[in-house]
N, C-alpha and C. Protein backbone atom coordinates (compact mmCIF):
# COMPACT_ATOMS: atom_id res chain seq x y z
N MET A 1 0.84 -1.18 0.00
CA MET A 1 0.00 0.00 0.00
C MET A 1 0.89 1.24 0.00
N THR A 2 0.62 2.14 -0.89
CA THR A 2 1.42 3.35 -0.96
C THR A 2 0.91 4.38 0.03
N ALA A 3 1.79 5.23 0.47
CA ALA A 3 1.41 6.28 1.43
C ALA A 3 0.50 7.29 0.75
N PRO A 4 -0.56 7.72 1.46
CA PRO A 4 -1.42 8.74 0.86
C PRO A 4 -0.66 10.04 0.71
N ASN A 5 -1.06 10.80 -0.27
CA ASN A 5 -0.47 12.11 -0.50
C ASN A 5 -0.92 13.04 0.62
N PRO A 6 0.01 13.58 1.44
CA PRO A 6 -0.39 14.45 2.54
C PRO A 6 -1.24 15.62 2.07
N ALA A 7 -0.95 16.14 0.89
CA ALA A 7 -1.70 17.29 0.39
C ALA A 7 -3.17 16.93 0.16
N ALA A 8 -3.43 15.67 -0.16
CA ALA A 8 -4.81 15.25 -0.40
C ALA A 8 -5.58 15.05 0.90
N LEU A 9 -4.90 14.75 1.99
CA LEU A 9 -5.57 14.47 3.25
C LEU A 9 -5.49 15.61 4.25
N LEU A 10 -4.49 16.46 4.13
CA LEU A 10 -4.24 17.50 5.11
C LEU A 10 -4.35 18.87 4.46
N ASP A 11 -5.13 19.72 5.07
CA ASP A 11 -5.33 21.07 4.55
C ASP A 11 -4.04 21.87 4.69
N PRO A 12 -3.48 22.32 3.56
CA PRO A 12 -2.21 23.05 3.63
C PRO A 12 -2.30 24.34 4.43
N GLU A 13 -3.46 24.96 4.45
CA GLU A 13 -3.62 26.20 5.21
C GLU A 13 -3.50 25.95 6.72
N ALA A 14 -4.07 24.87 7.19
CA ALA A 14 -3.95 24.53 8.62
C ALA A 14 -2.50 24.23 8.98
N LEU A 15 -1.81 23.51 8.10
CA LEU A 15 -0.40 23.21 8.35
C LEU A 15 0.44 24.48 8.30
N ARG A 16 0.11 25.39 7.38
CA ARG A 16 0.84 26.65 7.28
C ARG A 16 0.69 27.45 8.58
N ARG A 17 -0.53 27.49 9.12
CA ARG A 17 -0.76 28.22 10.37
C ARG A 17 0.07 27.62 11.51
N LEU A 18 0.14 26.30 11.57
CA LEU A 18 0.97 25.66 12.61
C LEU A 18 2.44 26.01 12.42
N ARG A 19 2.89 25.97 11.19
CA ARG A 19 4.30 26.26 10.92
C ARG A 19 4.63 27.72 11.20
N GLU A 20 3.68 28.62 11.01
CA GLU A 20 3.92 30.04 11.30
C GLU A 20 4.18 30.28 12.79
N LEU A 21 3.64 29.41 13.62
CA LEU A 21 3.84 29.56 15.06
C LEU A 21 5.27 29.20 15.48
N ASP A 22 5.97 28.48 14.61
CA ASP A 22 7.36 28.07 14.87
C ASP A 22 8.12 28.14 13.54
N PRO A 23 8.34 29.38 13.04
CA PRO A 23 8.88 29.54 11.68
C PRO A 23 10.23 28.86 11.45
N SER A 24 11.08 28.84 12.44
CA SER A 24 12.40 28.23 12.24
C SER A 24 12.35 26.71 12.45
N GLY A 25 11.29 26.25 13.07
CA GLY A 25 11.19 24.82 13.37
C GLY A 25 11.99 24.41 14.59
N GLY A 26 12.62 25.40 15.22
CA GLY A 26 13.48 25.11 16.37
C GLY A 26 12.74 24.52 17.56
N ASN A 27 11.49 24.89 17.73
CA ASN A 27 10.71 24.36 18.85
C ASN A 27 10.01 23.05 18.51
N LYS A 28 10.16 22.64 17.26
CA LYS A 28 9.54 21.39 16.80
C LYS A 28 8.06 21.33 17.13
N LEU A 29 7.38 22.46 16.90
CA LEU A 29 5.96 22.54 17.23
C LEU A 29 5.13 21.52 16.46
N LEU A 30 5.33 21.44 15.15
CA LEU A 30 4.55 20.50 14.36
C LEU A 30 4.76 19.07 14.85
N GLU A 31 5.99 18.71 15.12
CA GLU A 31 6.29 17.37 15.62
C GLU A 31 5.61 17.12 16.95
N ARG A 32 5.62 18.13 17.82
CA ARG A 32 4.99 17.98 19.15
C ARG A 32 3.48 17.87 19.03
N VAL A 33 2.88 18.64 18.13
CA VAL A 33 1.43 18.57 17.94
C VAL A 33 1.04 17.21 17.37
N VAL A 34 1.81 16.72 16.42
CA VAL A 34 1.53 15.40 15.84
C VAL A 34 1.70 14.32 16.91
N ALA A 35 2.72 14.43 17.75
CA ALA A 35 2.93 13.46 18.83
C ALA A 35 1.77 13.49 19.82
N ALA A 36 1.31 14.68 20.17
CA ALA A 36 0.18 14.80 21.09
C ALA A 36 -1.08 14.18 20.48
N PHE A 37 -1.29 14.43 19.19
CA PHE A 37 -2.43 13.84 18.48
C PHE A 37 -2.34 12.31 18.52
N SER A 38 -1.16 11.78 18.24
CA SER A 38 -0.97 10.33 18.24
C SER A 38 -1.19 9.72 19.62
N ASN A 39 -0.67 10.38 20.64
CA ASN A 39 -0.86 9.89 22.01
C ASN A 39 -2.33 9.92 22.40
N SER A 40 -3.01 10.97 22.03
CA SER A 40 -4.44 11.07 22.30
C SER A 40 -5.21 9.97 21.57
N LEU A 41 -4.81 9.72 20.33
CA LEU A 41 -5.46 8.67 19.55
C LEU A 41 -5.38 7.33 20.25
N GLU A 42 -4.23 7.01 20.80
CA GLU A 42 -4.06 5.72 21.47
C GLU A 42 -5.09 5.54 22.58
N ARG A 43 -5.24 6.56 23.40
CA ARG A 43 -6.21 6.49 24.50
C ARG A 43 -7.64 6.43 23.96
N LEU A 44 -7.95 7.30 23.02
CA LEU A 44 -9.31 7.37 22.50
C LEU A 44 -9.72 6.10 21.76
N LEU A 45 -8.80 5.54 20.99
CA LEU A 45 -9.14 4.34 20.23
C LEU A 45 -9.30 3.13 21.15
N THR A 46 -8.57 3.10 22.24
CA THR A 46 -8.76 2.05 23.23
C THR A 46 -10.16 2.17 23.84
N ASP A 47 -10.54 3.39 24.22
CA ASP A 47 -11.88 3.62 24.77
C ASP A 47 -12.95 3.23 23.76
N LEU A 48 -12.75 3.62 22.51
CA LEU A 48 -13.73 3.31 21.47
C LEU A 48 -13.86 1.80 21.28
N SER A 49 -12.75 1.12 21.25
CA SER A 49 -12.77 -0.33 21.08
C SER A 49 -13.55 -1.00 22.21
N LEU A 50 -13.29 -0.57 23.43
CA LEU A 50 -14.01 -1.13 24.58
C LEU A 50 -15.50 -0.82 24.49
N SER A 51 -15.85 0.35 24.01
CA SER A 51 -17.26 0.75 23.94
C SER A 51 -18.03 -0.05 22.89
N ARG A 52 -17.31 -0.66 21.95
CA ARG A 52 -17.95 -1.41 20.87
C ARG A 52 -18.04 -2.91 21.17
N GLU A 53 -17.59 -3.33 22.34
CA GLU A 53 -17.58 -4.76 22.65
C GLU A 53 -18.96 -5.33 22.89
N GLY A 54 -19.89 -4.54 23.34
CA GLY A 54 -21.24 -5.03 23.62
C GLY A 54 -22.09 -5.13 22.37
N ALA A 55 -23.34 -5.49 22.57
CA ALA A 55 -24.28 -5.62 21.45
C ALA A 55 -24.51 -4.27 20.78
N THR A 56 -24.53 -3.22 21.58
CA THR A 56 -24.64 -1.87 21.04
C THR A 56 -23.54 -1.03 21.65
N PRO A 57 -22.97 -0.12 20.88
CA PRO A 57 -21.87 0.69 21.41
C PRO A 57 -22.35 1.66 22.50
N ASP A 58 -21.45 2.00 23.39
CA ASP A 58 -21.73 3.00 24.41
C ASP A 58 -21.69 4.36 23.72
N LEU A 59 -22.86 4.93 23.50
CA LEU A 59 -22.96 6.17 22.73
C LEU A 59 -22.29 7.35 23.42
N ASN A 60 -22.22 7.34 24.74
CA ASN A 60 -21.52 8.43 25.44
C ASN A 60 -20.03 8.40 25.11
N VAL A 61 -19.45 7.22 25.06
CA VAL A 61 -18.03 7.09 24.71
C VAL A 61 -17.83 7.46 23.24
N VAL A 62 -18.70 6.97 22.37
CA VAL A 62 -18.59 7.29 20.95
C VAL A 62 -18.67 8.79 20.74
N ARG A 63 -19.60 9.43 21.43
CA ARG A 63 -19.75 10.88 21.31
C ARG A 63 -18.50 11.60 21.79
N HIS A 64 -17.97 11.19 22.94
CA HIS A 64 -16.76 11.82 23.48
C HIS A 64 -15.57 11.65 22.53
N VAL A 65 -15.36 10.43 22.06
CA VAL A 65 -14.22 10.15 21.17
C VAL A 65 -14.36 10.96 19.88
N SER A 66 -15.53 10.92 19.28
CA SER A 66 -15.70 11.62 18.00
C SER A 66 -15.61 13.13 18.19
N HIS A 67 -16.11 13.65 19.29
CA HIS A 67 -16.01 15.10 19.56
C HIS A 67 -14.54 15.52 19.70
N THR A 68 -13.79 14.75 20.47
CA THR A 68 -12.38 15.07 20.70
C THR A 68 -11.59 14.98 19.40
N LEU A 69 -11.83 13.92 18.62
CA LEU A 69 -11.11 13.76 17.36
C LEU A 69 -11.52 14.79 16.33
N LYS A 70 -12.75 15.24 16.39
CA LYS A 70 -13.22 16.27 15.45
C LYS A 70 -12.35 17.51 15.57
N SER A 71 -12.11 17.94 16.78
CA SER A 71 -11.33 19.15 17.00
C SER A 71 -9.85 18.95 16.72
N SER A 72 -9.29 17.87 17.25
CA SER A 72 -7.85 17.68 17.10
C SER A 72 -7.47 17.40 15.65
N SER A 73 -8.30 16.67 14.92
CA SER A 73 -7.97 16.41 13.52
C SER A 73 -8.10 17.69 12.68
N ALA A 74 -9.06 18.53 13.00
CA ALA A 74 -9.20 19.80 12.28
C ALA A 74 -7.98 20.69 12.51
N SER A 75 -7.44 20.68 13.72
CA SER A 75 -6.29 21.53 14.00
C SER A 75 -5.06 21.12 13.20
N LEU A 76 -5.02 19.85 12.79
CA LEU A 76 -3.92 19.36 11.95
C LEU A 76 -4.26 19.40 10.47
N GLY A 77 -5.45 19.85 10.15
CA GLY A 77 -5.84 19.97 8.75
C GLY A 77 -6.46 18.72 8.16
N ALA A 78 -6.78 17.74 8.98
CA ALA A 78 -7.43 16.51 8.50
C ALA A 78 -8.94 16.76 8.46
N MET A 79 -9.35 17.55 7.47
CA MET A 79 -10.72 18.04 7.44
C MET A 79 -11.75 16.96 7.14
N ALA A 80 -11.41 15.99 6.29
CA ALA A 80 -12.36 14.91 5.99
C ALA A 80 -12.59 14.06 7.24
N LEU A 81 -11.52 13.77 7.97
CA LEU A 81 -11.66 13.03 9.23
C LEU A 81 -12.48 13.83 10.21
N SER A 82 -12.23 15.11 10.32
CA SER A 82 -12.98 15.96 11.22
C SER A 82 -14.47 15.96 10.88
N ALA A 83 -14.79 16.02 9.59
CA ALA A 83 -16.19 16.02 9.15
C ALA A 83 -16.86 14.68 9.48
N ARG A 84 -16.14 13.57 9.27
CA ARG A 84 -16.71 12.27 9.61
C ARG A 84 -16.96 12.18 11.11
N CYS A 85 -16.02 12.69 11.90
CA CYS A 85 -16.19 12.69 13.36
C CYS A 85 -17.40 13.51 13.77
N ALA A 86 -17.61 14.63 13.09
CA ALA A 86 -18.79 15.47 13.39
C ALA A 86 -20.07 14.70 13.11
N ASP A 87 -20.10 13.96 12.00
CA ASP A 87 -21.28 13.16 11.68
C ASP A 87 -21.51 12.08 12.73
N ILE A 88 -20.45 11.42 13.15
CA ILE A 88 -20.56 10.37 14.16
C ILE A 88 -21.01 10.97 15.49
N GLU A 89 -20.45 12.11 15.83
CA GLU A 89 -20.85 12.78 17.08
C GLU A 89 -22.35 13.08 17.07
N THR A 90 -22.85 13.57 15.96
CA THR A 90 -24.28 13.86 15.85
C THR A 90 -25.12 12.60 15.98
N MET A 91 -24.69 11.54 15.32
CA MET A 91 -25.41 10.27 15.42
C MET A 91 -25.46 9.80 16.87
N ALA A 92 -24.33 9.85 17.56
CA ALA A 92 -24.28 9.39 18.95
C ALA A 92 -25.12 10.27 19.85
N ARG A 93 -25.03 11.58 19.64
CA ARG A 93 -25.81 12.51 20.46
C ARG A 93 -27.31 12.29 20.27
N ASP A 94 -27.70 11.97 19.03
CA ASP A 94 -29.12 11.75 18.72
C ASP A 94 -29.58 10.32 19.02
N GLY A 95 -28.66 9.47 19.46
CA GLY A 95 -29.02 8.10 19.81
C GLY A 95 -29.24 7.20 18.60
N ARG A 96 -28.71 7.59 17.45
CA ARG A 96 -28.90 6.80 16.23
C ARG A 96 -27.76 5.78 16.09
N THR A 97 -28.12 4.53 16.04
CA THR A 97 -27.11 3.48 15.90
C THR A 97 -27.13 2.85 14.52
N ASP A 98 -28.16 3.10 13.73
CA ASP A 98 -28.23 2.53 12.38
C ASP A 98 -27.12 3.14 11.52
N GLY A 99 -26.22 2.29 11.05
CA GLY A 99 -25.10 2.75 10.23
C GLY A 99 -23.92 3.26 11.02
N LEU A 100 -24.03 3.29 12.35
CA LEU A 100 -22.95 3.82 13.18
C LEU A 100 -21.70 2.95 13.09
N SER A 101 -21.86 1.65 13.12
CA SER A 101 -20.71 0.76 13.08
C SER A 101 -19.91 0.97 11.80
N GLU A 102 -20.59 1.13 10.68
CA GLU A 102 -19.91 1.36 9.41
C GLU A 102 -19.18 2.70 9.42
N GLN A 103 -19.80 3.70 10.01
CA GLN A 103 -19.15 5.02 10.10
C GLN A 103 -17.91 4.94 10.98
N LEU A 104 -18.00 4.21 12.08
CA LEU A 104 -16.84 4.06 12.96
C LEU A 104 -15.70 3.32 12.26
N ASP A 105 -16.06 2.27 11.50
CA ASP A 105 -15.03 1.54 10.75
C ASP A 105 -14.36 2.45 9.73
N ALA A 106 -15.16 3.27 9.05
CA ALA A 106 -14.61 4.21 8.06
C ALA A 106 -13.73 5.25 8.75
N MET A 107 -14.13 5.69 9.94
CA MET A 107 -13.32 6.64 10.70
C MET A 107 -11.97 6.04 11.04
N LEU A 108 -11.95 4.77 11.42
CA LEU A 108 -10.68 4.10 11.74
C LEU A 108 -9.78 4.03 10.52
N GLN A 109 -10.35 3.80 9.35
CA GLN A 109 -9.56 3.81 8.12
C GLN A 109 -9.02 5.21 7.84
N ASP A 110 -9.88 6.21 8.03
CA ASP A 110 -9.44 7.60 7.84
C ASP A 110 -8.27 7.94 8.76
N ILE A 111 -8.37 7.49 9.99
CA ILE A 111 -7.32 7.76 10.98
C ILE A 111 -5.99 7.16 10.52
N GLN A 112 -6.02 5.94 10.01
CA GLN A 112 -4.79 5.31 9.54
C GLN A 112 -4.18 6.10 8.39
N GLN A 113 -5.01 6.58 7.47
CA GLN A 113 -4.51 7.37 6.36
C GLN A 113 -3.92 8.69 6.85
N VAL A 114 -4.59 9.33 7.80
CA VAL A 114 -4.08 10.60 8.34
C VAL A 114 -2.77 10.36 9.07
N ARG A 115 -2.67 9.30 9.84
CA ARG A 115 -1.41 8.98 10.51
C ARG A 115 -0.26 8.84 9.51
N THR A 116 -0.53 8.15 8.43
CA THR A 116 0.49 7.95 7.40
C THR A 116 0.87 9.28 6.77
N ALA A 117 -0.12 10.11 6.48
CA ALA A 117 0.15 11.42 5.88
C ALA A 117 0.95 12.30 6.83
N LEU A 118 0.62 12.27 8.12
CA LEU A 118 1.36 13.07 9.10
C LEU A 118 2.81 12.59 9.21
N ALA A 119 2.99 11.28 9.20
CA ALA A 119 4.35 10.74 9.28
C ALA A 119 5.17 11.17 8.07
N ALA A 120 4.54 11.29 6.93
CA ALA A 120 5.25 11.71 5.72
C ALA A 120 5.70 13.17 5.80
N LEU A 121 5.03 13.97 6.62
CA LEU A 121 5.40 15.37 6.77
C LEU A 121 6.62 15.57 7.65
N LEU A 122 6.84 14.64 8.55
CA LEU A 122 7.91 14.83 9.55
C LEU A 122 9.23 14.28 9.09
């Protein structure tokens, strides 16, 4: 599998704004933000996995995970992932489970692609 093109998955304007905060790169801001995102993902994905073990997912956990990922992925320019998370958050908040499992599976695929794209930037 080839690595996704970061430009196709990550909004260049969001990345530009992050880079402007550390123009010389001396503080390694982008690397630190990506590391924080990755660390957060590990915790959130563990919670999400546990919430899906029952017959129906724990919608409070799904809502929390998708809400958190919506914001953090947008800050890194992963706008498609952020939009999917927003849709999942709405479904969970509204108590809709029809199609939720498929959306969560698609979100996990999106996350893997974003991780690969972020790694290609560093």
